[in-house]
């Protein structure tokens, strides 16, 4: 198999994200992906062994991009409320800007092949946020972080539906989780 950075592989993933904007992941066929990418069907199998591997790659790319945004937004921030807020804004804004993200957030859990990856990603985000909650003096930092991740994911869905930031929802999240930061 070619490298993960191969341009044709990326072309196929981009085609999948374009299709995911209007089709649930479960409804995206390989034929549609290669048609959207403008490549032969055999090319798909050069880069992915099957549709499941393709969906996993879509999920990984989406979360890799979000992690990079979060890392850039918090590079020098010490644990605490300011870092938690910066990472959350980076996540939510990244969701709003990403193509096909609604499919990744809405339909991913219904795809058995990536449901475990979604849970693992959420657990990673919660583990990272637990240090912030610990610094804030929260009694149950990991548990609070897990709930915070769930609330943030819900806000991401509501913002995607609205097509824009929802300042009142974000303010309510800060009020519930971290107060005035």
Foldseek 3Di string as FASTA:
>chain_A
DDDCPDPLLVLLLVLLLQVLLPDALVPDDLVSSCVSSVHDSVVVCVNAVDSLRSVQSNLVVLLVVLVVQLCVQCVPPDAADVSVLSSLVSNLVSLLPDRSSLNCLPRQCVDVSCVVVVVVSLLVQLVVNLSHLVVLVHPRSSVLSSVLSVLSSVQSNVCNVVSHHDVVSSVVSCCVRPNDD
